[in-house]
PDB file of N, CA and C in Angstrom:
ATOM      1  N   UNK A   1     -23.569  26.378  15.039  1.00  0.00           N
ATOM      2  CA  UNK A   1     -23.059  25.552  14.769  1.00  0.00           C
ATOM      3  C   UNK A   1     -22.785  25.048  12.943  1.00  0.00           C
ATOM      4  N   UNK A   2     -23.437  26.079  11.936  1.00  0.00           N
ATOM      5  CA  UNK A   2     -22.639  26.265  11.111  1.00  0.00           C
ATOM      6  C   UNK A   2     -21.491  26.681  10.701  1.00  0.00           C
ATOM      7  N   UNK A   3     -20.859  27.938  11.916  1.00  0.00           N
ATOM      8  CA  UNK A   3     -19.964  28.633  11.291  1.00  0.00           C
ATOM      9  C   UNK A   3     -18.272  27.382  11.752  1.00  0.00           C
ATOM     10  N   UNK A   4     -18.703  26.233  12.451  1.00  0.00           N
ATOM     11  CA  UNK A   4     -18.334  25.336  13.176  1.00  0.00           C
ATOM     12  C   UNK A   4     -17.750  24.277  12.068  1.00  0.00           C
ATOM     13  N   UNK A   5     -18.994  23.989  11.006  1.00  0.00           N
ATOM     14  CA  UNK A   5     -19.133  23.009   9.893  1.00  0.00           C
ATOM     15  C   UNK A   5     -18.764  23.381   8.666  1.00  0.00           C
ATOM     16  N   UNK A   6     -19.028  24.556   8.650  1.00  0.00           N
ATOM     17  CA  UNK A   6     -18.857  24.827   6.828  1.00  0.00           C
ATOM     18  C   UNK A   6     -17.655  24.821   6.148  1.00  0.00           C
ATOM     19  N   UNK A   7     -16.614  24.149   6.486  1.00  0.00           N
ATOM     20  CA  UNK A   7     -15.706  23.608   5.860  1.00  0.00           C
ATOM     21  C   UNK A   7     -15.727  22.646   5.032  1.00  0.00           C
ATOM     22  N   UNK A   8     -17.021  21.650   5.405  1.00  0.00           N
ATOM     23  CA  UNK A   8     -17.109  19.936   4.879  1.00  0.00           C
ATOM     24  C   UNK A   8     -18.556  20.378   4.130  1.00  0.00           C
ATOM     25  N   UNK A   9     -18.603  19.490   3.299  1.00  0.00           N
ATOM     26  CA  UNK A   9     -20.012  19.135   2.535  1.00  0.00           C
ATOM     27  C   UNK A   9     -20.761  18.354   3.719  1.00  0.00           C
ATOM     28  N   UNK A  10     -22.570  18.387   3.517  1.00  0.00           N
ATOM     29  CA  UNK A  10     -23.039  18.028   4.100  1.00  0.00           C
ATOM     30  C   UNK A  10     -22.607  16.081   4.198  1.00  0.00           C
ATOM     31  N   UNK A  11     -22.341  15.727   2.403  1.00  0.00           N
ATOM     32  CA  UNK A  11     -22.138  14.488   2.910  1.00  0.00           C
ATOM     33  C   UNK A  11     -20.695  14.116   3.504  1.00  0.00           C
ATOM     34  N   UNK A  12     -19.608  15.084   3.130  1.00  0.00           N
ATOM     35  CA  UNK A  12     -18.332  14.860   4.295  1.00  0.00           C
ATOM     36  C   UNK A  12     -18.661  14.592   5.887  1.00  0.00           C
ATOM     37  N   UNK A  13     -19.787  14.923   6.237  1.00  0.00           N
ATOM     38  CA  UNK A  13     -20.476  15.130   7.849  1.00  0.00           C
ATOM     39  C   UNK A  13     -21.165  14.034   7.957  1.00  0.00           C
ATOM     40  N   UNK A  14     -21.927  13.402   6.639  1.00  0.00           N
ATOM     41  CA  UNK A  14     -22.567  12.689   7.216  1.00  0.00           C
ATOM     42  C   UNK A  14     -21.845  11.147   7.611  1.00  0.00           C
ATOM     43  N   UNK A  15     -20.499  11.407   6.190  1.00  0.00           N
ATOM     44  CA  UNK A  15     -20.121  10.146   6.803  1.00  0.00           C
ATOM     45  C   UNK A  15     -18.759  10.075   7.777  1.00  0.00           C
ATOM     46  N   UNK A  16     -18.452  11.179   8.184  1.00  0.00           N
ATOM     47  CA  UNK A  16     -17.733  11.370   9.702  1.00  0.00           C
ATOM     48  C   UNK A  16     -18.829  10.463  10.697  1.00  0.00           C
ATOM     49  N   UNK A  17     -20.047  11.286  10.352  1.00  0.00           N
ATOM     50  CA  UNK A  17     -21.129  10.746  11.730  1.00  0.00           C
ATOM     51  C   UNK A  17     -21.308   8.923  11.600  1.00  0.00           C
ATOM     52  N   UNK A  18     -21.036   8.547  10.300  1.00  0.00           N
ATOM     53  CA  UNK A  18     -21.161   7.591  10.593  1.00  0.00           C
ATOM     54  C   UNK A  18     -20.274   6.443  11.009  1.00  0.00           C
ATOM     55  N   UNK A  19     -18.730   7.029  10.696  1.00  0.00           N
ATOM     56  CA  UNK A  19     -17.784   6.748  11.374  1.00  0.00           C
ATOM     57  C   UNK A  19     -17.414   6.653  12.383  1.00  0.00           C
ATOM     58  N   UNK A  20     -18.106   8.099  13.164  1.00  0.00           N
ATOM     59  CA  UNK A  20     -18.196   7.662  14.694  1.00  0.00           C
ATOM     60  C   UNK A  20     -19.306   6.602  15.792  1.00  0.00           C
ATOM     61  N   UNK A  21     -20.163   6.447  14.708  1.00  0.00           N
ATOM     62  CA  UNK A  21     -21.214   5.225  15.125  1.00  0.00           C
ATOM     63  C   UNK A  21     -20.659   4.116  14.896  1.00  0.00           C
ATOM     64  N   UNK A  22     -20.127   3.961  13.875  1.00  0.00           N
ATOM     65  CA  UNK A  22     -19.528   2.282  14.097  1.00  0.00           C
ATOM     66  C   UNK A  22     -17.992   2.156  14.941  1.00  0.00           C
ATOM     67  N   UNK A  23     -17.536   3.846  14.893  1.00  0.00           N
ATOM     68  CA  UNK A  23     -16.464   3.529  15.921  1.00  0.00           C
ATOM     69  C   UNK A  23     -16.996   2.568  17.283  1.00  0.00           C
ATOM     70  N   UNK A  24     -18.061   3.953  17.480  1.00  0.00           N
ATOM     71  CA  UNK A  24     -19.093   3.683  19.172  1.00  0.00           C
ATOM     72  C   UNK A  24     -19.664   2.173  19.047  1.00  0.00           C
ATOM     73  N   UNK A  25     -19.554   1.266  18.471  1.00  0.00           N
ATOM     74  CA  UNK A  25     -20.423  -0.064  18.029  1.00  0.00           C
ATOM     75  C   UNK A  25     -19.092  -0.906  18.445  1.00  0.00           C
ATOM     76  N   UNK A  26     -18.088  -0.442  17.657  1.00  0.00           N
ATOM     77  CA  UNK A  26     -16.773  -1.292  17.881  1.00  0.00           C
ATOM     78  C   UNK A  26     -16.165  -1.294  18.790  1.00  0.00           C
ATOM     79  N   UNK A  27     -16.660  -0.286  19.943  1.00  0.00           N
ATOM     80  CA  UNK A  27     -15.320   0.127  21.120  1.00  0.00           C
ATOM     81  C   UNK A  27     -14.423   0.703  20.651  1.00  0.00           C
ATOM     82  N   UNK A  28     -14.248   1.485  19.861  1.00  0.00           N
ATOM     83  CA  UNK A  28     -13.407   2.105  19.226  1.00  0.00           C
ATOM     84  C   UNK A  28     -13.177   3.418  19.211  1.00  0.00           C
ATOM     85  N   UNK A  29     -12.130   4.584  19.169  1.00  0.00           N
ATOM     86  CA  UNK A  29     -12.788   5.869  19.004  1.00  0.00           C
ATOM     87  C   UNK A  29     -11.786   6.663  18.061  1.00  0.00           C
ATOM     88  N   UNK A  30     -11.511   7.990  17.860  1.00  0.00           N
ATOM     89  CA  UNK A  30     -11.090   8.606  16.679  1.00  0.00           C
ATOM     90  C   UNK A  30      -9.479   8.396  17.324  1.00  0.00           C
ATOM     91  N   UNK A  31      -9.610   8.178  18.732  1.00  0.00           N
ATOM     92  CA  UNK A  31      -7.678   7.821  18.571  1.00  0.00           C
ATOM     93  C   UNK A  31      -7.276   6.697  18.280  1.00  0.00           C
ATOM     94  N   UNK A  32      -7.890   5.826  18.087  1.00  0.00           N
ATOM     95  CA  UNK A  32      -7.739   4.653  17.747  1.00  0.00           C
ATOM     96  C   UNK A  32      -7.582   4.851  15.791  1.00  0.00           C
ATOM     97  N   UNK A  33      -8.292   5.723  15.425  1.00  0.00           N
ATOM     98  CA  UNK A  33      -7.968   6.108  14.153  1.00  0.00           C
ATOM     99  C   UNK A  33      -7.278   6.829  13.647  1.00  0.00           C
ATOM    100  N   UNK A  34      -6.549   7.548  14.440  1.00  0.00           N
ATOM    101  CA  UNK A  34      -5.438   8.296  14.302  1.00  0.00           C
ATOM    102  C   UNK A  34      -4.141   7.613  14.382  1.00  0.00           C
ATOM    103  N   UNK A  35      -3.730   6.742  15.566  1.00  0.00           N
ATOM    104  CA  UNK A  35      -3.073   5.691  15.540  1.00  0.00           C
ATOM    105  C   UNK A  35      -3.066   4.856  14.540  1.00  0.00           C
ATOM    106  N   UNK A  36      -3.928   4.414  13.811  1.00  0.00           N
ATOM    107  CA  UNK A  36      -3.911   3.190  12.715  1.00  0.00           C
ATOM    108  C   UNK A  36      -2.969   4.343  11.664  1.00  0.00           C
ATOM    109  N   UNK A  37      -3.951   5.719  11.007  1.00  0.00           N
ATOM    110  CA  UNK A  37      -3.521   6.137   9.826  1.00  0.00           C
ATOM    111  C   UNK A  37      -1.888   6.399  10.612  1.00  0.00           C
ATOM    112  N   UNK A  38      -1.504   7.086  11.200  1.00  0.00           N
ATOM    113  CA  UNK A  38       0.313   7.168  11.805  1.00  0.00           C
ATOM    114  C   UNK A  38       0.643   5.686  11.350  1.00  0.00           C
ATOM    115  N   UNK A  39      -0.015   4.471  12.013  1.00  0.00           N
ATOM    116  CA  UNK A  39       1.007   3.554  11.495  1.00  0.00           C
ATOM    117  C   UNK A  39       0.678   2.658   9.959  1.00  0.00           C
ATOM    118  N   UNK A  40      -0.407   3.099   9.329  1.00  0.00           N
ATOM    119  CA  UNK A  40      -0.480   2.830   7.692  1.00  0.00           C
ATOM    120  C   UNK A  40       1.007   3.888   7.153  1.00  0.00           C
ATOM    121  N   UNK A  41       0.918   5.418   7.541  1.00  0.00           N
ATOM    122  CA  UNK A  41       1.624   5.884   6.820  1.00  0.00           C
ATOM    123  C   UNK A  41       2.926   5.485   7.135  1.00  0.00           C
ATOM    124  N   UNK A  42       3.681   4.969   8.302  1.00  0.00           N
ATOM    125  CA  UNK A  42       4.601   4.582   8.509  1.00  0.00           C
ATOM    126  C   UNK A  42       5.210   3.360   7.665  1.00  0.00           C
ATOM    127  N   UNK A  43       4.124   2.387   7.412  1.00  0.00           N
ATOM    128  CA  UNK A  43       4.582   1.424   6.439  1.00  0.00           C
ATOM    129  C   UNK A  43       4.214   1.262   5.608  1.00  0.00           C
ATOM    130  N   UNK A  44       3.785   2.637   5.129  1.00  0.00           N
ATOM    131  CA  UNK A  44       3.658   2.770   2.989  1.00  0.00           C
ATOM    132  C   UNK A  44       5.086   2.923   3.342  1.00  0.00           C
ATOM    133  N   UNK A  45       5.655   4.102   3.939  1.00  0.00           N
ATOM    134  CA  UNK A  45       7.009   4.585   3.525  1.00  0.00           C
ATOM    135  C   UNK A  45       8.152   3.679   3.855  1.00  0.00           C
ATOM    136  N   UNK A  46       8.236   2.371   4.663  1.00  0.00           N
ATOM    137  CA  UNK A  46       8.912   1.734   4.978  1.00  0.00           C
ATOM    138  C   UNK A  46       8.686   0.959   3.750  1.00  0.00           C
ATOM    139  N   UNK A  47       7.739   0.601   3.365  1.00  0.00           N
ATOM    140  CA  UNK A  47       7.770  -0.010   1.787  1.00  0.00           C
ATOM    141  C   UNK A  47       7.880   0.723   0.711  1.00  0.00           C
ATOM    142  N   UNK A  48       7.780   1.896   0.612  1.00  0.00           N
ATOM    143  CA  UNK A  48       8.086   2.716  -0.846  1.00  0.00           C
ATOM    144  C   UNK A  48      10.077   3.021  -0.324  1.00  0.00           C
ATOM    145  N   UNK A  49      10.505   2.586   0.849  1.00  0.00           N
ATOM    146  CA  UNK A  49      12.139   2.615   0.777  1.00  0.00           C
ATOM    147  C   UNK A  49      13.042   1.016   0.234  1.00  0.00           C
ATOM    148  N   UNK A  50      11.719   0.175   0.053  1.00  0.00           N
ATOM    149  CA  UNK A  50      12.287  -1.405  -0.249  1.00  0.00           C
ATOM    150  C   UNK A  50      11.729  -1.069  -1.381  1.00  0.00           C
ATOM    151  N   UNK A  51      11.590  -0.404  -2.341  1.00  0.00           N
ATOM    152  CA  UNK A  51      11.334  -0.187  -4.235  1.00  0.00           C
ATOM    153  C   UNK A  51      12.759  -0.102  -4.905  1.00  0.00           C
ATOM    154  N   UNK A  52      12.861  -0.626  -5.891  1.00  0.00           N
ATOM    155  CA  UNK A  52      14.027  -0.338  -7.130  1.00  0.00           C
ATOM    156  C   UNK A  52      13.510   0.401  -8.042  1.00  0.00           C
ATOM    157  N   UNK A  53      14.465   0.917  -8.448  1.00  0.00           N
ATOM    158  CA  UNK A  53      13.860   1.769  -9.846  1.00  0.00           C
ATOM    159  C   UNK A  53      14.283   1.027 -11.294  1.00  0.00           C
ATOM    160  N   UNK A  54      13.941   0.918 -11.839  1.00  0.00           N
ATOM    161  CA  UNK A  54      14.257   0.048 -12.937  1.00  0.00           C
ATOM    162  C   UNK A  54      15.129  -0.033 -14.095  1.00  0.00           C
ATOM    163  N   UNK A  55      15.744  -1.181 -14.332  1.00  0.00           N
ATOM    164  CA  UNK A  55      17.011  -0.799 -15.123  1.00  0.00           C
ATOM    165  C   UNK A  55      16.293  -0.724 -16.461  1.00  0.00           C
ATOM    166  N   UNK A  56      15.165  -0.453 -17.034  1.00  0.00           N
ATOM    167  CA  UNK A  56      15.275   0.042 -18.562  1.00  0.00           C
ATOM    168  C   UNK A  56      14.691   2.040 -18.274  1.00  0.00           C
ATOM    169  N   UNK A  57      14.344   1.629 -18.043  1.00  0.00           N
ATOM    170  CA  UNK A  57      13.693   3.547 -17.795  1.00  0.00           C
ATOM    171  C   UNK A  57      13.970   4.334 -16.683  1.00  0.00           C
ATOM    172  N   UNK A  58      14.615   3.954 -15.540  1.00  0.00           N
ATOM    173  CA  UNK A  58      14.150   4.588 -13.753  1.00  0.00           C
ATOM    174  C   UNK A  58      13.095   4.822 -13.376  1.00  0.00           C
ATOM    175  N   UNK A  59      12.648   4.435 -13.937  1.00  0.00           N
ATOM    176  CA  UNK A  59      11.010   4.565 -12.859  1.00  0.00           C
ATOM    177  C   UNK A  59      10.872   4.159 -11.509  1.00  0.00           C
ATOM    178  N   UNK A  60      10.635   3.988 -10.511  1.00  0.00           N
ATOM    179  CA  UNK A  60      10.423   2.908  -9.616  1.00  0.00           C
ATOM    180  C   UNK A  60       9.566   1.661  -9.953  1.00  0.00           C
ATOM    181  N   UNK A  61      10.258   0.720  -9.679  1.00  0.00           N
ATOM    182  CA  UNK A  61       9.350  -0.401  -9.766  1.00  0.00           C
ATOM    183  C   UNK A  61       7.901  -0.578  -9.049  1.00  0.00           C
ATOM    184  N   UNK A  62       6.794  -1.285  -9.015  1.00  0.00           N
ATOM    185  CA  UNK A  62       6.392  -2.010  -7.943  1.00  0.00           C
ATOM    186  C   UNK A  62       6.447  -3.401  -7.932  1.00  0.00           C
ATOM    187  N   UNK A  63       6.653  -4.022  -6.885  1.00  0.00           N
ATOM    188  CA  UNK A  63       6.301  -5.458  -6.433  1.00  0.00           C
ATOM    189  C   UNK A  63       4.947  -5.902  -6.403  1.00  0.00           C
ATOM    190  N   UNK A  64       4.695  -6.563  -7.221  1.00  0.00           N
ATOM    191  CA  UNK A  64       3.106  -7.400  -7.101  1.00  0.00           C
ATOM    192  C   UNK A  64       3.097  -8.974  -6.649  1.00  0.00           C
ATOM    193  N   UNK A  65       1.858  -9.778  -6.033  1.00  0.00           N
ATOM    194  CA  UNK A  65       1.806 -11.001  -6.086  1.00  0.00           C
ATOM    195  C   UNK A  65       1.562 -11.319  -7.271  1.00  0.00           C
ATOM    196  N   UNK A  66       1.962 -12.953  -7.880  1.00  0.00           N
ATOM    197  CA  UNK A  66       1.183 -13.459  -9.316  1.00  0.00           C
ATOM    198  C   UNK A  66       0.653 -14.443  -8.382  1.00  0.00           C
ATOM    199  N   UNK A  67      -0.074 -15.615  -9.427  1.00  0.00           N
ATOM    200  CA  UNK A  67      -0.092 -16.902  -9.108  1.00  0.00           C
ATOM    201  C   UNK A  67      -0.581 -17.103  -8.029  1.00  0.00           C
ATOM    202  N   UNK A  68      -1.017 -16.274  -7.604  1.00  0.00           N
ATOM    203  CA  UNK A  68      -2.400 -16.379  -6.078  1.00  0.00           C
ATOM    204  C   UNK A  68      -3.887 -16.062  -6.639  1.00  0.00           C
ATOM    205  N   UNK A  69      -4.105 -16.018  -7.147  1.00  0.00           N
ATOM    206  CA  UNK A  69      -5.806 -15.846  -7.724  1.00  0.00           C
ATOM    207  C   UNK A  69      -5.724 -16.313  -9.229  1.00  0.00           C
ATOM    208  N   UNK A  70      -7.015 -16.778  -9.894  1.00  0.00           N
ATOM    209  CA  UNK A  70      -7.549 -16.660 -11.444  1.00  0.00           C
ATOM    210  C   UNK A  70      -7.158 -15.793 -11.924  1.00  0.00           C
ATOM    211  N   UNK A  71      -6.814 -14.624 -11.735  1.00  0.00           N
ATOM    212  CA  UNK A  71      -6.661 -13.294 -12.378  1.00  0.00           C
ATOM    213  C   UNK A  71      -5.185 -12.865 -12.611  1.00  0.00           C
ATOM    214  N   UNK A  72      -4.117 -13.872 -11.686  1.00  0.00           N
ATOM    215  CA  UNK A  72      -3.140 -13.225 -11.469  1.00  0.00           C
ATOM    216  C   UNK A  72      -2.060 -14.621 -12.025  1.00  0.00           C
ATOM    217  N   UNK A  73      -2.535 -15.438 -12.709  1.00  0.00           N
ATOM    218  CA  UNK A  73      -2.082 -16.399 -13.395  1.00  0.00           C
ATOM    219  C   UNK A  73      -0.837 -16.348 -14.077  1.00  0.00           C
ATOM    220  N   UNK A  74       0.469 -16.682 -14.069  1.00  0.00           N
ATOM    221  CA  UNK A  74       1.308 -16.751 -15.165  1.00  0.00           C
ATOM    222  C   UNK A  74       1.426 -18.416 -15.714  1.00  0.00           C
ATOM    223  N   UNK A  75       1.292 -19.155 -16.114  1.00  0.00           N
ATOM    224  CA  UNK A  75       1.923 -20.552 -16.265  1.00  0.00           C
ATOM    225  C   UNK A  75       3.485 -20.941 -15.520  1.00  0.00           C
ATOM    226  N   UNK A  76       3.723 -19.914 -14.895  1.00  0.00           N
ATOM    227  CA  UNK A  76       4.851 -20.387 -14.169  1.00  0.00           C
ATOM    228  C   UNK A  76       4.987 -20.663 -12.845  1.00  0.00           C
ATOM    229  N   UNK A  77       6.163 -21.025 -12.506  1.00  0.00           N
ATOM    230  CA  UNK A  77       5.998 -21.088 -10.448  1.00  0.00           C
ATOM    231  C   UNK A  77       6.379 -19.465 -10.376  1.00  0.00           C
ATOM    232  N   UNK A  78       6.124 -18.774 -10.661  1.00  0.00           N
ATOM    233  CA  UNK A  78       6.163 -17.398 -10.030  1.00  0.00           C
ATOM    234  C   UNK A  78       5.394 -17.206  -9.258  1.00  0.00           C
ATOM    235  N   UNK A  79       5.782 -16.533  -7.812  1.00  0.00           N
ATOM    236  CA  UNK A  79       4.980 -15.963  -7.107  1.00  0.00           C
ATOM    237  C   UNK A  79       4.776 -14.201  -6.708  1.00  0.00           C
ATOM    238  N   UNK A  80       5.925 -13.694  -7.368  1.00  0.00           N
ATOM    239  CA  UNK A  80       5.816 -11.896  -7.246  1.00  0.00           C
ATOM    240  C   UNK A  80       6.508 -11.730  -8.868  1.00  0.00           C
ATOM    241  N   UNK A  81       5.888 -10.308  -9.084  1.00  0.00           N
ATOM    242  CA  UNK A  81       6.523  -9.699 -10.312  1.00  0.00           C
ATOM    243  C   UNK A  81       7.485  -8.067  -9.992  1.00  0.00           C
ATOM    244  N   UNK A  82       8.446  -7.921 -10.627  1.00  0.00           N
ATOM    245  CA  UNK A  82       8.782  -6.357  -9.859  1.00  0.00           C
ATOM    246  C   UNK A  82       8.333  -5.638 -11.830  1.00  0.00           C
ATOM    247  N   UNK A  83       7.391  -4.806 -11.163  1.00  0.00           N
ATOM    248  CA  UNK A  83       6.731  -4.258 -12.625  1.00  0.00           C
ATOM    249  C   UNK A  83       6.834  -2.873 -12.514  1.00  0.00           C
ATOM    250  N   UNK A  84       6.986  -2.305 -13.856  1.00  0.00           N
ATOM    251  CA  UNK A  84       7.911  -0.471 -14.371  1.00  0.00           C
ATOM    252  C   UNK A  84       6.114  -0.468 -15.191  1.00  0.00           C
ATOM    253  N   UNK A  85       5.215   0.748 -14.105  1.00  0.00           N
ATOM    254  CA  UNK A  85       4.882   1.318 -15.226  1.00  0.00           C
ATOM    255  C   UNK A  85       4.712   2.325 -16.178  1.00  0.00           C
ATOM    256  N   UNK A  86       5.907   2.694 -16.415  1.00  0.00           N
ATOM    257  CA  UNK A  86       6.917   3.764 -17.458  1.00  0.00           C
ATOM    258  C   UNK A  86       7.153   2.906 -17.947  1.00  0.00           C
ATOM    259  N   UNK A  87       7.540   2.341 -18.507  1.00  0.00           N
ATOM    260  CA  UNK A  87       7.743   1.285 -19.612  1.00  0.00           C
ATOM    261  C   UNK A  87       7.513  -0.432 -19.523  1.00  0.00           C
ATOM    262  N   UNK A  88       6.649  -0.761 -18.752  1.00  0.00           N
ATOM    263  CA  UNK A  88       6.341  -2.067 -18.640  1.00  0.00           C
ATOM    264  C   UNK A  88       7.470  -3.182 -18.479  1.00  0.00           C
ATOM    265  N   UNK A  89       8.432  -2.882 -18.073  1.00  0.00           N
ATOM    266  CA  UNK A  89       9.514  -3.676 -17.804  1.00  0.00           C
ATOM    267  C   UNK A  89       8.657  -4.811 -16.949  1.00  0.00           C
ATOM    268  N   UNK A  90       8.924  -5.775 -16.648  1.00  0.00           N
ATOM    269  CA  UNK A  90       9.103  -6.845 -16.218  1.00  0.00           C
ATOM    270  C   UNK A  90       9.923  -7.788 -15.281  1.00  0.00           C
ATOM    271  N   UNK A  91       9.961  -8.078 -14.234  1.00  0.00           N
ATOM    272  CA  UNK A  91      11.126  -9.285 -13.473  1.00  0.00           C
ATOM    273  C   UNK A  91      10.200  -9.954 -13.202  1.00  0.00           C
ATOM    274  N   UNK A  92       9.977 -11.244 -13.470  1.00  0.00           N
ATOM    275  CA  UNK A  92       9.177 -12.074 -12.348  1.00  0.00           C
ATOM    276  C   UNK A  92      10.113 -13.309 -11.690  1.00  0.00           C
ATOM    277  N   UNK A  93       9.754 -13.471 -10.816  1.00  0.00           N
ATOM    278  CA  UNK A  93      10.366 -14.045  -9.473  1.00  0.00           C
ATOM    279  C   UNK A  93       9.845 -15.663  -8.802  1.00  0.00           C
ATOM    280  N   UNK A  94      10.314 -16.175  -8.062  1.00  0.00           N
ATOM    281  CA  UNK A  94       9.844 -17.424  -7.399  1.00  0.00           C
ATOM    282  C   UNK A  94       9.695 -17.063  -5.856  1.00  0.00           C
ATOM    283  N   UNK A  95      10.575 -15.918  -5.697  1.00  0.00           N
ATOM    284  CA  UNK A  95       9.786 -15.546  -4.010  1.00  0.00           C
ATOM    285  C   UNK A  95       8.731 -14.364  -3.925  1.00  0.00           C
ATOM    286  N   UNK A  96       8.244 -14.641  -2.333  1.00  0.00           N
ATOM    287  CA  UNK A  96       7.082 -14.065  -2.111  1.00  0.00           C
ATOM    288  C   UNK A  96       7.111 -12.429  -2.578  1.00  0.00           C
ATOM    289  N   UNK A  97       6.006 -11.656  -2.204  1.00  0.00           N
ATOM    290  CA  UNK A  97       6.769 -10.556  -2.342  1.00  0.00           C
ATOM    291  C   UNK A  97       7.369 -10.287  -0.668  1.00  0.00           C
ATOM    292  N   UNK A  98       7.005 -10.691  -0.163  1.00  0.00           N
ATOM    293  CA  UNK A  98       7.045 -10.685   1.461  1.00  0.00           C
ATOM    294  C   UNK A  98       8.830 -11.535   1.611  1.00  0.00           C
ATOM    295  N   UNK A  99       9.110 -12.322   0.693  1.00  0.00           N
ATOM    296  CA  UNK A  99      10.512 -12.881   0.746  1.00  0.00           C
ATOM    297  C   UNK A  99      11.135 -11.733  -0.224  1.00  0.00           C
ATOM    298  N   UNK A 100      10.444 -11.077  -1.134  1.00  0.00           N
ATOM    299  CA  UNK A 100      11.465 -10.247  -1.899  1.00  0.00           C
ATOM    300  C   UNK A 100      11.978  -8.999  -1.256  1.00  0.00           C
ATOM    301  N   UNK A 101      10.817  -8.383  -0.618  1.00  0.00           N
ATOM    302  CA  UNK A 101      11.575  -7.559   0.700  1.00  0.00           C
ATOM    303  C   UNK A 101      11.718  -7.620   1.494  1.00  0.00           C
ATOM    304  N   UNK A 102      11.842  -8.725   2.698  1.00  0.00           N
ATOM    305  CA  UNK A 102      13.168  -8.803   3.116  1.00  0.00           C
ATOM    306  C   UNK A 102      14.299  -9.030   2.599  1.00  0.00           C
ATOM    307  N   UNK A 103      14.780 -10.203   1.724  1.00  0.00           N
ATOM    308  CA  UNK A 103      15.981  -9.945   0.846  1.00  0.00           C
ATOM    309  C   UNK A 103      16.290  -8.433   0.465  1.00  0.00           C
ATOM    310  N   UNK A 104      15.367  -7.545   0.054  1.00  0.00           N
ATOM    311  CA  UNK A 104      15.638  -6.082  -0.528  1.00  0.00           C
ATOM    312  C   UNK A 104      16.769  -5.546   0.979  1.00  0.00           C
ATOM    313  N   UNK A 105      15.822  -5.431   1.744  1.00  0.00           N
ATOM    314  CA  UNK A 105      16.162  -4.707   2.959  1.00  0.00           C
ATOM    315  C   UNK A 105      17.393  -5.416   3.294  1.00  0.00           C
ATOM    316  N   UNK A 106      17.545  -6.669   3.305  1.00  0.00           N
ATOM    317  CA  UNK A 106      18.698  -7.040   4.283  1.00  0.00           C
ATOM    318  C   UNK A 106      20.000  -6.517   3.597  1.00  0.00           C
ATOM    319  N   UNK A 107      19.739  -6.373   1.794  1.00  0.00           N
ATOM    320  CA  UNK A 107      20.820  -6.177   0.822  1.00  0.00           C
ATOM    321  C   UNK A 107      21.236  -4.700   1.305  1.00  0.00           C
ATOM    322  N   UNK A 108      20.220  -4.106   1.483  1.00  0.00           N
ATOM    323  CA  UNK A 108      20.666  -2.396   1.677  1.00  0.00           C
ATOM    324  C   UNK A 108      20.404  -1.601   0.000  1.00  0.00           C
ATOM    325  N   UNK A 109      19.208  -2.324  -0.308  1.00  0.00           N
ATOM    326  CA  UNK A 109      19.335  -1.606  -2.471  1.00  0.00           C
ATOM    327  C   UNK A 109      17.963  -0.780  -2.054  1.00  0.00           C
ATOM    328  N   UNK A 110      17.503  -1.059  -1.608  1.00  0.00           N
ATOM    329  CA  UNK A 110      16.007  -0.133  -1.027  1.00  0.00           C
ATOM    330  C   UNK A 110      16.750   1.265  -1.338  1.00  0.00           C
ATOM    331  N   UNK A 111      15.193   2.045  -2.542  1.00  0.00           N
ATOM    332  CA  UNK A 111      15.614   2.933  -2.632  1.00  0.00           C
ATOM    333  C   UNK A 111      14.558   3.600  -2.217  1.00  0.00           C
ATOM    334  N   UNK A 112      14.641   5.338  -1.403  1.00  0.00           N
ATOM    335  CA  UNK A 112      13.641   5.479  -0.685  1.00  0.00           C
ATOM    336  C   UNK A 112      13.512   7.202  -1.253  1.00  0.00           C
TER     337      UNK A 112
END
């Protein structure tokens, strides 16, 4: 067994064992985990394709919700914001994140 598990640390092996036990207790399997990971990767790829480039520096903009928690209050009726992590450009919108991504997908402006 040492040779089989040699590639992983004891911590990683224990984490895997904990995941395995949790999956068994919830009626799930490693196949379910694999399907979940594939779906998550597809969703992230689709979301990345629905991003815009910053008009100031050209970096990819990130779309985030605002005014949906005490920490994200802007003092106006904005519901989302496009943010550039490169130059700190911000473009606020009264549309939700879902509405923004839907409009962007329909317009064909998404950049992947």
